[in-house]
């Protein structure tokens, strides 16, 4: 008879195939892809709130998507609220590298949209929260990922996914394993 490990010593199971995708997430990503930002914002907001209520770590990503959708639908105040909330959560958890990376991306996108005042607000937030002398390691060259997750339709960036090994990453939105090329 095989001995079982004590409860605290068990390794978490990892699925190898795609995970079941909540229809709400697929719908929200499809709305963003179609440019229907006015409907995508509330859809992502609802997902973010539900995920946050369950203590889910991905709530930050959904707040970022909600913020972007609201801003693109010209509901700037609501969009900024979601962006700042997501950044504050990252800061509170001391996740400095994503805090800086997502914050800088938000600044760049806000400037592209001509929202200089809002870009300055995020700049101030980064400067106030980011510890001095924080040095981030250079990102390694990674395989090329598809531009969208085949499971949930979310956009993929190699610096926003969790890398499981040299060639496999997990989608930040649905944890679907993704194989990179190259």
N, C-alpha and C. Protein backbone atom coordinates (compact mmCIF):
# COMPACT_ATOMS: atom_id res chain seq x y z
N UNK A 1 0.84 -1.18 0.00
CA UNK A 1 0.00 0.00 0.00
C UNK A 1 0.88 1.25 0.00
N UNK A 2 0.51 2.20 -0.82
CA UNK A 2 1.28 3.43 -0.97
C UNK A 2 0.95 4.41 0.14
N UNK A 3 1.99 5.02 0.69
CA UNK A 3 1.80 6.00 1.75
C UNK A 3 1.38 7.33 1.16
N UNK A 4 0.42 7.99 1.77
CA UNK A 4 -0.03 9.31 1.31
C UNK A 4 0.79 10.39 2.00
N UNK A 5 1.02 11.47 1.25
CA UNK A 5 1.71 12.62 1.85
C UNK A 5 0.76 13.32 2.81
N UNK A 6 1.29 13.95 3.86
CA UNK A 6 0.43 14.77 4.72
C UNK A 6 -0.18 15.90 3.90
N UNK A 7 -1.32 16.38 4.33
CA UNK A 7 -2.05 17.39 3.56
C UNK A 7 -1.20 18.59 3.16
N UNK A 8 -0.38 19.10 4.04
CA UNK A 8 0.43 20.27 3.74
C UNK A 8 1.55 20.00 2.76
N UNK A 9 1.86 18.75 2.50
CA UNK A 9 3.01 18.39 1.68
C UNK A 9 2.64 18.02 0.24
N UNK A 10 1.38 18.02 -0.08
CA UNK A 10 0.98 17.63 -1.43
C UNK A 10 1.32 18.70 -2.44
N UNK A 11 1.71 18.23 -3.60
CA UNK A 11 1.98 19.14 -4.70
C UNK A 11 0.68 19.52 -5.38
N UNK A 12 0.56 20.79 -5.79
CA UNK A 12 -0.67 21.17 -6.50
C UNK A 12 -0.73 20.48 -7.85
N UNK A 13 -1.92 20.09 -8.25
CA UNK A 13 -2.11 19.47 -9.55
C UNK A 13 -2.13 20.54 -10.63
N UNK A 14 -1.49 20.26 -11.74
CA UNK A 14 -1.53 21.16 -12.90
C UNK A 14 -2.20 20.43 -14.03
N UNK A 15 -3.18 21.06 -14.58
CA UNK A 15 -3.83 20.47 -15.75
C UNK A 15 -2.96 20.74 -16.97
N UNK A 16 -2.98 19.81 -17.88
CA UNK A 16 -2.17 20.01 -19.08
C UNK A 16 -2.99 20.60 -20.22
N UNK A 17 -4.28 20.42 -20.21
CA UNK A 17 -5.12 20.93 -21.29
C UNK A 17 -5.79 22.24 -20.93
N UNK A 18 -6.57 22.79 -21.85
CA UNK A 18 -7.27 24.04 -21.59
C UNK A 18 -8.27 23.89 -20.44
N UNK A 19 -8.41 24.94 -19.69
CA UNK A 19 -9.36 24.95 -18.58
C UNK A 19 -10.73 25.40 -19.09
N UNK A 20 -11.76 25.05 -18.35
CA UNK A 20 -13.10 25.50 -18.69
C UNK A 20 -13.14 27.01 -18.57
N UNK A 21 -13.63 27.63 -19.60
CA UNK A 21 -13.62 29.08 -19.65
C UNK A 21 -14.99 29.64 -19.29
N UNK A 22 -15.04 30.53 -18.29
CA UNK A 22 -16.32 31.16 -17.97
C UNK A 22 -16.84 31.94 -19.17
N UNK A 23 -18.10 31.75 -19.53
CA UNK A 23 -18.66 32.47 -20.67
C UNK A 23 -18.55 33.99 -20.53
N UNK A 24 -18.65 34.49 -19.30
CA UNK A 24 -18.58 35.94 -19.09
C UNK A 24 -17.22 36.49 -19.52
N UNK A 25 -16.15 35.75 -19.25
CA UNK A 25 -14.82 36.21 -19.64
C UNK A 25 -14.65 36.16 -21.15
N UNK A 26 -15.11 35.08 -21.77
CA UNK A 26 -15.05 35.00 -23.24
C UNK A 26 -15.83 36.14 -23.87
N UNK A 27 -17.01 36.43 -23.31
CA UNK A 27 -17.86 37.49 -23.83
C UNK A 27 -17.18 38.86 -23.69
N UNK A 28 -16.61 39.12 -22.51
CA UNK A 28 -15.94 40.40 -22.26
C UNK A 28 -14.76 40.59 -23.22
N UNK A 29 -13.96 39.54 -23.42
CA UNK A 29 -12.83 39.63 -24.34
C UNK A 29 -13.30 39.84 -25.78
N UNK A 30 -14.41 39.19 -26.14
CA UNK A 30 -14.95 39.37 -27.50
C UNK A 30 -15.44 40.81 -27.69
N UNK A 31 -16.04 41.39 -26.67
CA UNK A 31 -16.48 42.79 -26.74
C UNK A 31 -15.29 43.73 -26.95
N UNK A 32 -14.21 43.49 -26.23
CA UNK A 32 -13.00 44.32 -26.39
C UNK A 32 -12.45 44.17 -27.79
N UNK A 33 -12.37 42.93 -28.26
CA UNK A 33 -11.82 42.66 -29.59
C UNK A 33 -12.65 43.34 -30.67
N UNK A 34 -13.97 43.40 -30.47
CA UNK A 34 -14.87 44.01 -31.45
C UNK A 34 -14.89 45.53 -31.33
N UNK A 35 -14.21 46.08 -30.32
CA UNK A 35 -14.19 47.53 -30.14
C UNK A 35 -15.42 48.07 -29.43
N UNK A 36 -16.18 47.20 -28.80
CA UNK A 36 -17.37 47.60 -28.06
C UNK A 36 -16.97 47.86 -26.61
N UNK A 37 -16.23 48.93 -26.41
CA UNK A 37 -15.65 49.24 -25.11
C UNK A 37 -16.70 49.63 -24.07
N UNK A 38 -17.79 50.27 -24.50
CA UNK A 38 -18.83 50.70 -23.57
C UNK A 38 -19.48 49.50 -22.87
N UNK A 39 -19.57 48.36 -23.54
CA UNK A 39 -20.12 47.16 -22.91
C UNK A 39 -19.03 46.32 -22.25
N UNK A 40 -17.82 46.38 -22.78
CA UNK A 40 -16.71 45.59 -22.23
C UNK A 40 -16.33 46.09 -20.83
N UNK A 41 -16.36 47.40 -20.60
CA UNK A 41 -16.00 47.95 -19.29
C UNK A 41 -16.82 47.35 -18.16
N UNK A 42 -18.16 47.45 -18.22
CA UNK A 42 -18.98 46.85 -17.16
C UNK A 42 -18.81 45.33 -17.07
N UNK A 43 -18.59 44.66 -18.21
CA UNK A 43 -18.41 43.21 -18.19
C UNK A 43 -17.15 42.84 -17.40
N UNK A 44 -16.04 43.53 -17.67
CA UNK A 44 -14.81 43.26 -16.94
C UNK A 44 -14.92 43.71 -15.48
N UNK A 45 -15.63 44.80 -15.25
CA UNK A 45 -15.81 45.26 -13.87
C UNK A 45 -16.52 44.20 -13.04
N UNK A 46 -17.55 43.61 -13.59
CA UNK A 46 -18.31 42.57 -12.89
C UNK A 46 -17.42 41.36 -12.60
N UNK A 47 -16.63 40.95 -13.59
CA UNK A 47 -15.72 39.82 -13.40
C UNK A 47 -14.68 40.16 -12.32
N UNK A 48 -14.16 41.38 -12.36
CA UNK A 48 -13.15 41.81 -11.37
C UNK A 48 -13.74 41.77 -9.96
N UNK A 49 -14.95 42.27 -9.80
CA UNK A 49 -15.58 42.29 -8.48
C UNK A 49 -15.83 40.88 -7.96
N UNK A 50 -16.31 40.00 -8.82
CA UNK A 50 -16.55 38.61 -8.41
C UNK A 50 -15.25 37.91 -8.04
N UNK A 51 -14.22 38.13 -8.85
CA UNK A 51 -12.92 37.50 -8.60
C UNK A 51 -12.32 38.03 -7.30
N UNK A 52 -12.44 39.32 -7.09
CA UNK A 52 -11.92 39.94 -5.87
C UNK A 52 -12.65 39.43 -4.64
N UNK A 53 -13.97 39.25 -4.75
CA UNK A 53 -14.77 38.76 -3.62
C UNK A 53 -14.33 37.35 -3.21
N UNK A 54 -13.85 36.57 -4.17
CA UNK A 54 -13.38 35.21 -3.88
C UNK A 54 -11.90 35.20 -3.48
N UNK A 55 -11.27 36.36 -3.49
CA UNK A 55 -9.85 36.43 -3.14
C UNK A 55 -8.95 35.99 -4.29
N UNK A 56 -9.46 36.04 -5.50
CA UNK A 56 -8.69 35.61 -6.67
C UNK A 56 -7.58 36.57 -7.03
N UNK A 57 -6.43 36.03 -7.32
CA UNK A 57 -5.25 36.84 -7.65
C UNK A 57 -5.39 37.56 -8.99
N UNK A 58 -6.22 37.03 -9.90
CA UNK A 58 -6.33 37.64 -11.23
C UNK A 58 -7.25 38.85 -11.26
N UNK A 59 -7.87 39.21 -10.15
CA UNK A 59 -8.77 40.37 -10.12
C UNK A 59 -8.06 41.63 -10.63
N UNK A 60 -6.78 41.76 -10.33
CA UNK A 60 -6.00 42.91 -10.77
C UNK A 60 -6.04 43.03 -12.29
N UNK A 61 -5.87 41.91 -12.98
CA UNK A 61 -5.88 41.93 -14.45
C UNK A 61 -7.25 42.35 -14.98
N UNK A 62 -8.30 41.92 -14.32
CA UNK A 62 -9.64 42.29 -14.77
C UNK A 62 -9.93 43.76 -14.50
N UNK A 63 -9.41 44.30 -13.40
CA UNK A 63 -9.55 45.74 -13.14
C UNK A 63 -8.79 46.55 -14.20
N UNK A 64 -7.60 46.07 -14.57
CA UNK A 64 -6.84 46.76 -15.61
C UNK A 64 -7.61 46.76 -16.93
N UNK A 65 -8.20 45.62 -17.29
CA UNK A 65 -8.97 45.53 -18.53
C UNK A 65 -10.21 46.41 -18.46
N UNK A 66 -10.89 46.42 -17.30
CA UNK A 66 -12.07 47.27 -17.13
C UNK A 66 -11.67 48.73 -17.27
N UNK A 67 -10.56 49.11 -16.64
CA UNK A 67 -10.09 50.48 -16.73
C UNK A 67 -9.79 50.89 -18.16
N UNK A 68 -9.12 50.03 -18.89
CA UNK A 68 -8.79 50.33 -20.29
C UNK A 68 -10.06 50.46 -21.13
N UNK A 69 -11.01 49.54 -20.92
CA UNK A 69 -12.26 49.59 -21.69
C UNK A 69 -13.03 50.86 -21.39
N UNK A 70 -13.13 51.23 -20.12
CA UNK A 70 -13.85 52.46 -19.77
C UNK A 70 -13.18 53.69 -20.39
N UNK A 71 -11.86 53.73 -20.33
CA UNK A 71 -11.14 54.88 -20.90
C UNK A 71 -11.36 54.94 -22.41
N UNK A 72 -11.29 53.79 -23.07
CA UNK A 72 -11.50 53.78 -24.53
C UNK A 72 -12.94 54.11 -24.90
N UNK A 73 -13.88 53.93 -23.96
CA UNK A 73 -15.28 54.31 -24.22
C UNK A 73 -15.54 55.74 -23.74
N UNK A 74 -14.47 56.44 -23.38
CA UNK A 74 -14.50 57.84 -22.96
C UNK A 74 -15.15 58.07 -21.60
N UNK A 75 -15.22 57.03 -20.77
CA UNK A 75 -15.63 57.17 -19.39
C UNK A 75 -14.34 57.20 -18.57
N UNK A 76 -13.65 58.32 -18.68
CA UNK A 76 -12.29 58.47 -18.15
C UNK A 76 -12.25 58.29 -16.63
N UNK A 77 -13.17 58.92 -15.92
CA UNK A 77 -13.16 58.87 -14.46
C UNK A 77 -13.28 57.43 -13.96
N UNK A 78 -14.21 56.68 -14.50
CA UNK A 78 -14.41 55.29 -14.08
C UNK A 78 -13.19 54.44 -14.48
N UNK A 79 -12.64 54.68 -15.66
CA UNK A 79 -11.46 53.95 -16.10
C UNK A 79 -10.26 54.20 -15.20
N UNK A 80 -10.05 55.46 -14.85
CA UNK A 80 -8.93 55.79 -13.97
C UNK A 80 -9.10 55.15 -12.60
N UNK A 81 -10.32 55.09 -12.13
CA UNK A 81 -10.61 54.46 -10.85
C UNK A 81 -10.15 52.99 -10.86
N UNK A 82 -10.45 52.28 -11.93
CA UNK A 82 -10.04 50.87 -12.02
C UNK A 82 -8.53 50.74 -12.17
N UNK A 83 -7.92 51.58 -12.99
CA UNK A 83 -6.46 51.53 -13.16
C UNK A 83 -5.76 51.76 -11.82
N UNK A 84 -6.17 52.79 -11.13
CA UNK A 84 -5.54 53.11 -9.84
C UNK A 84 -5.76 52.01 -8.82
N UNK A 85 -6.96 51.44 -8.81
CA UNK A 85 -7.25 50.35 -7.87
C UNK A 85 -6.31 49.17 -8.12
N UNK A 86 -6.17 48.78 -9.38
CA UNK A 86 -5.29 47.65 -9.72
C UNK A 86 -3.85 47.95 -9.30
N UNK A 87 -3.38 49.15 -9.59
CA UNK A 87 -2.01 49.51 -9.24
C UNK A 87 -1.81 49.55 -7.73
N UNK A 88 -2.81 50.03 -7.01
CA UNK A 88 -2.71 50.08 -5.54
C UNK A 88 -2.65 48.67 -4.94
N UNK A 89 -3.41 47.75 -5.51
CA UNK A 89 -3.36 46.36 -5.03
C UNK A 89 -1.97 45.77 -5.26
N UNK A 90 -1.40 46.00 -6.45
CA UNK A 90 -0.05 45.51 -6.74
C UNK A 90 0.96 46.12 -5.76
N UNK A 91 0.80 47.41 -5.50
CA UNK A 91 1.70 48.10 -4.59
C UNK A 91 1.56 47.54 -3.17
N UNK A 92 0.34 47.33 -2.71
CA UNK A 92 0.11 46.81 -1.37
C UNK A 92 0.72 45.42 -1.21
N UNK A 93 0.72 44.65 -2.28
CA UNK A 93 1.30 43.30 -2.23
C UNK A 93 2.79 43.30 -2.53
N UNK A 94 3.33 44.51 -2.77
CA UNK A 94 4.75 44.68 -3.08
C UNK A 94 5.17 43.92 -4.33
N UNK A 95 4.30 43.89 -5.30
CA UNK A 95 4.60 43.30 -6.61
C UNK A 95 5.16 44.42 -7.48
N UNK A 96 6.40 44.81 -7.19
CA UNK A 96 6.97 46.03 -7.76
C UNK A 96 7.19 45.95 -9.26
N UNK A 97 7.66 44.82 -9.75
CA UNK A 97 7.94 44.75 -11.19
C UNK A 97 6.66 44.90 -12.02
N UNK A 98 5.58 44.13 -11.74
CA UNK A 98 4.35 44.36 -12.52
C UNK A 98 3.74 45.74 -12.25
N UNK A 99 3.88 46.23 -11.03
CA UNK A 99 3.38 47.57 -10.69
C UNK A 99 4.01 48.60 -11.62
N UNK A 100 5.33 48.53 -11.76
CA UNK A 100 6.04 49.48 -12.61
C UNK A 100 5.70 49.25 -14.08
N UNK A 101 5.67 48.00 -14.51
CA UNK A 101 5.43 47.67 -15.92
C UNK A 101 4.02 48.07 -16.36
N UNK A 102 3.00 47.69 -15.59
CA UNK A 102 1.62 48.03 -15.95
C UNK A 102 1.38 49.54 -15.82
N UNK A 103 2.00 50.14 -14.80
CA UNK A 103 1.87 51.58 -14.63
C UNK A 103 2.45 52.34 -15.81
N UNK A 104 3.63 51.93 -16.24
CA UNK A 104 4.27 52.60 -17.38
C UNK A 104 3.47 52.39 -18.65
N UNK A 105 2.93 51.19 -18.84
CA UNK A 105 2.12 50.93 -20.02
C UNK A 105 0.87 51.82 -20.00
N UNK A 106 0.26 51.98 -18.82
CA UNK A 106 -0.92 52.85 -18.70
C UNK A 106 -0.55 54.29 -19.05
N UNK A 107 0.59 54.75 -18.56
CA UNK A 107 1.05 56.11 -18.85
C UNK A 107 1.21 56.30 -20.36
N UNK A 108 1.87 55.35 -20.99
CA UNK A 108 2.10 55.43 -22.45
C UNK A 108 0.78 55.46 -23.22
N UNK A 109 -0.17 54.60 -22.85
CA UNK A 109 -1.45 54.54 -23.55
C UNK A 109 -2.28 55.81 -23.30
N UNK A 110 -2.23 56.32 -22.08
CA UNK A 110 -2.97 57.55 -21.78
C UNK A 110 -2.41 58.72 -22.59
N UNK A 111 -1.10 58.78 -22.70
CA UNK A 111 -0.48 59.85 -23.50
C UNK A 111 -0.86 59.72 -24.97
N UNK A 112 -0.88 58.48 -25.48
CA UNK A 112 -1.30 58.26 -26.88
C UNK A 112 -2.72 58.76 -27.13
N UNK A 113 -3.56 58.66 -26.12
CA UNK A 113 -4.95 59.10 -26.24
C UNK A 113 -5.11 60.60 -25.97
N UNK A 114 -4.00 61.26 -25.66
CA UNK A 114 -4.05 62.70 -25.38
C UNK A 114 -4.53 63.02 -23.97
N UNK A 115 -4.46 62.05 -23.08
CA UNK A 115 -4.91 62.24 -21.70
C UNK A 115 -3.70 62.51 -20.80
N UNK A 116 -3.10 63.67 -21.01
CA UNK A 116 -1.86 64.04 -20.29
C UNK A 116 -2.08 64.16 -18.78
N UNK A 117 -3.20 64.75 -18.36
CA UNK A 117 -3.49 64.91 -16.93
C UNK A 117 -3.57 63.54 -16.24
N UNK A 118 -4.25 62.61 -16.89
CA UNK A 118 -4.41 61.28 -16.32
C UNK A 118 -3.08 60.52 -16.31
N UNK A 119 -2.29 60.70 -17.37
CA UNK A 119 -0.97 60.08 -17.42
C UNK A 119 -0.11 60.60 -16.28
N UNK A 120 -0.24 61.89 -15.99
CA UNK A 120 0.52 62.48 -14.88
C UNK A 120 0.08 61.91 -13.53
N UNK A 121 -1.22 61.63 -13.38
CA UNK A 121 -1.73 61.03 -12.14
C UNK A 121 -1.08 59.66 -11.89
N UNK A 122 -0.97 58.87 -12.95
CA UNK A 122 -0.36 57.54 -12.81
C UNK A 122 1.14 57.68 -12.55
N UNK A 123 1.78 58.66 -13.19
CA UNK A 123 3.21 58.91 -12.95
C UNK A 123 3.45 59.25 -11.48
N UNK A 124 2.60 60.12 -10.93
CA UNK A 124 2.73 60.49 -9.52
C UNK A 124 2.53 59.26 -8.63
N UNK A 125 1.54 58.44 -8.94
CA UNK A 125 1.28 57.23 -8.17
C UNK A 125 2.50 56.31 -8.18
N UNK A 126 3.08 56.12 -9.36
CA UNK A 126 4.28 55.27 -9.45
C UNK A 126 5.42 55.85 -8.63
N UNK A 127 5.65 57.15 -8.76
CA UNK A 127 6.76 57.79 -8.04
C UNK A 127 6.57 57.74 -6.54
N UNK A 128 5.33 57.87 -6.08
CA UNK A 128 5.05 57.83 -4.64
C UNK A 128 5.18 56.42 -4.06
N UNK A 129 4.79 55.43 -4.82
CA UNK A 129 4.70 54.06 -4.30
C UNK A 129 5.93 53.21 -4.54
N UNK A 130 6.59 53.39 -5.67
CA UNK A 130 7.71 52.53 -6.03
C UNK A 130 8.91 52.84 -5.13
N UNK A 131 9.43 51.82 -4.45
CA UNK A 131 10.59 52.08 -3.58
C UNK A 131 11.78 52.58 -4.38
N UNK A 132 12.56 53.43 -3.76
CA UNK A 132 13.75 53.94 -4.42
C UNK A 132 14.75 52.81 -4.58
N UNK A 133 15.60 52.96 -5.56
CA UNK A 133 16.67 51.98 -5.85
C UNK A 133 16.11 50.61 -6.21
N UNK A 134 14.90 50.57 -6.73
CA UNK A 134 14.35 49.31 -7.19
C UNK A 134 14.92 49.01 -8.56
N UNK A 135 15.60 47.88 -8.67
CA UNK A 135 16.21 47.49 -9.92
C UNK A 135 15.55 46.20 -10.38
N UNK A 136 15.08 46.20 -11.62
CA UNK A 136 14.44 45.02 -12.16
C UNK A 136 15.40 44.31 -13.09
N UNK A 137 15.37 42.98 -13.03
CA UNK A 137 16.25 42.21 -13.90
C UNK A 137 15.76 42.32 -15.34
N UNK A 138 16.68 42.20 -16.25
CA UNK A 138 16.34 42.22 -17.67
C UNK A 138 15.52 40.97 -17.98
N UNK A 139 14.49 41.14 -18.77
CA UNK A 139 13.68 39.99 -19.14
C UNK A 139 14.44 39.15 -20.15
N UNK A 140 14.37 37.84 -19.94
CA UNK A 140 15.05 36.91 -20.84
C UNK A 140 14.29 36.84 -22.15
N UNK A 141 15.00 36.46 -23.17
CA UNK A 141 14.36 36.25 -24.47
C UNK A 141 13.46 35.03 -24.34
N UNK A 142 12.21 35.21 -24.67
CA UNK A 142 11.23 34.14 -24.53
C UNK A 142 10.69 33.74 -25.90
N UNK A 143 10.11 32.54 -25.97
CA UNK A 143 9.48 32.14 -27.22
C UNK A 143 8.31 33.06 -27.56
N UNK A 144 7.95 33.10 -28.82
CA UNK A 144 6.86 33.94 -29.29
C UNK A 144 5.54 33.25 -28.95
N UNK A 145 4.65 34.00 -28.30
CA UNK A 145 3.33 33.49 -27.95
C UNK A 145 2.31 33.96 -28.97
N UNK A 146 1.17 33.29 -29.05
CA UNK A 146 0.11 33.83 -29.91
C UNK A 146 -0.31 35.20 -29.36
N UNK A 147 -0.92 36.03 -30.18
CA UNK A 147 -1.32 37.36 -29.72
C UNK A 147 -2.56 37.31 -28.82
N UNK A 148 -3.34 36.23 -28.93
CA UNK A 148 -4.52 36.06 -28.10
C UNK A 148 -4.54 34.65 -27.53
N UNK A 149 -5.09 34.53 -26.33
CA UNK A 149 -5.26 33.21 -25.72
C UNK A 149 -6.31 32.44 -26.50
N UNK A 150 -6.00 31.23 -26.95
CA UNK A 150 -6.99 30.46 -27.69
C UNK A 150 -8.15 30.01 -26.83
N UNK A 151 -7.99 30.05 -25.52
CA UNK A 151 -9.05 29.60 -24.61
C UNK A 151 -10.04 30.71 -24.27
N UNK A 152 -9.53 31.89 -23.88
CA UNK A 152 -10.44 32.95 -23.42
C UNK A 152 -10.46 34.18 -24.33
N UNK A 153 -9.52 34.27 -25.25
CA UNK A 153 -9.50 35.39 -26.19
C UNK A 153 -8.79 36.63 -25.66
N UNK A 154 -8.21 36.57 -24.48
CA UNK A 154 -7.50 37.73 -23.92
C UNK A 154 -6.22 37.99 -24.69
N UNK A 155 -5.79 39.25 -24.76
CA UNK A 155 -4.51 39.54 -25.42
C UNK A 155 -3.36 38.98 -24.58
N UNK A 156 -2.33 38.52 -25.24
CA UNK A 156 -1.19 37.94 -24.54
C UNK A 156 0.05 38.77 -24.78
N UNK A 157 0.81 38.98 -23.73
CA UNK A 157 2.11 39.63 -23.80
C UNK A 157 3.06 38.76 -22.99
N UNK A 158 4.23 38.53 -23.52
CA UNK A 158 5.15 37.61 -22.86
C UNK A 158 5.57 38.10 -21.48
N UNK A 159 5.48 39.42 -21.24
CA UNK A 159 5.86 39.93 -19.92
C UNK A 159 4.69 39.95 -18.93
N UNK A 160 3.50 39.51 -19.36
CA UNK A 160 2.34 39.51 -18.47
C UNK A 160 1.87 38.10 -18.11
N UNK A 161 2.47 37.10 -18.70
CA UNK A 161 2.07 35.73 -18.41
C UNK A 161 3.00 35.13 -17.37
N UNK A 162 2.57 34.05 -16.75
CA UNK A 162 3.43 33.31 -15.83
C UNK A 162 4.08 32.19 -16.63
N UNK A 163 5.40 32.19 -16.63
CA UNK A 163 6.13 31.17 -17.37
C UNK A 163 6.32 29.96 -16.49
N UNK A 164 5.86 28.80 -16.98
CA UNK A 164 5.96 27.55 -16.24
C UNK A 164 7.34 26.93 -16.47
N UNK A 165 7.78 26.96 -17.72
CA UNK A 165 9.12 26.51 -18.08
C UNK A 165 9.60 27.36 -19.26
N UNK A 166 10.66 26.97 -19.91
CA UNK A 166 11.25 27.78 -20.99
C UNK A 166 10.31 27.98 -22.18
N UNK A 167 9.37 27.07 -22.40
CA UNK A 167 8.53 27.14 -23.58
C UNK A 167 7.04 27.23 -23.29
N UNK A 168 6.65 27.12 -22.03
CA UNK A 168 5.23 27.08 -21.68
C UNK A 168 4.90 28.19 -20.69
N UNK A 169 3.83 28.91 -21.00
CA UNK A 169 3.36 29.99 -20.13
C UNK A 169 1.89 29.75 -19.80
N UNK A 170 1.39 30.50 -18.81
CA UNK A 170 -0.03 30.46 -18.46
C UNK A 170 -0.64 31.82 -18.73
N UNK A 171 -1.82 31.82 -19.33
CA UNK A 171 -2.56 33.06 -19.57
C UNK A 171 -2.85 33.73 -18.23
N UNK A 172 -2.66 35.04 -18.15
CA UNK A 172 -2.90 35.78 -16.91
C UNK A 172 -4.38 35.84 -16.55
N UNK A 173 -5.26 35.59 -17.51
CA UNK A 173 -6.69 35.70 -17.26
C UNK A 173 -7.34 34.36 -16.94
N UNK A 174 -6.92 33.29 -17.62
CA UNK A 174 -7.63 32.01 -17.44
C UNK A 174 -6.71 30.87 -17.02
N UNK A 175 -5.42 31.11 -16.86
CA UNK A 175 -4.43 30.09 -16.49
C UNK A 175 -4.27 28.98 -17.52
N UNK A 176 -4.74 29.20 -18.73
CA UNK A 176 -4.60 28.22 -19.80
C UNK A 176 -3.13 28.07 -20.14
N UNK A 177 -2.58 26.83 -20.20
CA UNK A 177 -1.19 26.66 -20.62
C UNK A 177 -1.04 26.98 -22.11
N UNK A 178 0.02 27.71 -22.42
CA UNK A 178 0.29 28.14 -23.80
C UNK A 178 1.70 27.74 -24.18
N UNK A 179 1.86 27.22 -25.34
CA UNK A 179 3.17 26.82 -25.84
C UNK A 179 3.71 27.91 -26.75
N UNK A 180 4.91 28.40 -26.46
CA UNK A 180 5.53 29.41 -27.30
C UNK A 180 6.28 28.79 -28.46
N UNK A 181 6.49 29.55 -29.50
CA UNK A 181 7.25 29.09 -30.67
C UNK A 181 8.60 29.75 -30.69
N UNK A 182 9.61 28.97 -31.01
CA UNK A 182 10.94 29.55 -31.17
C UNK A 182 11.74 29.42 -29.98
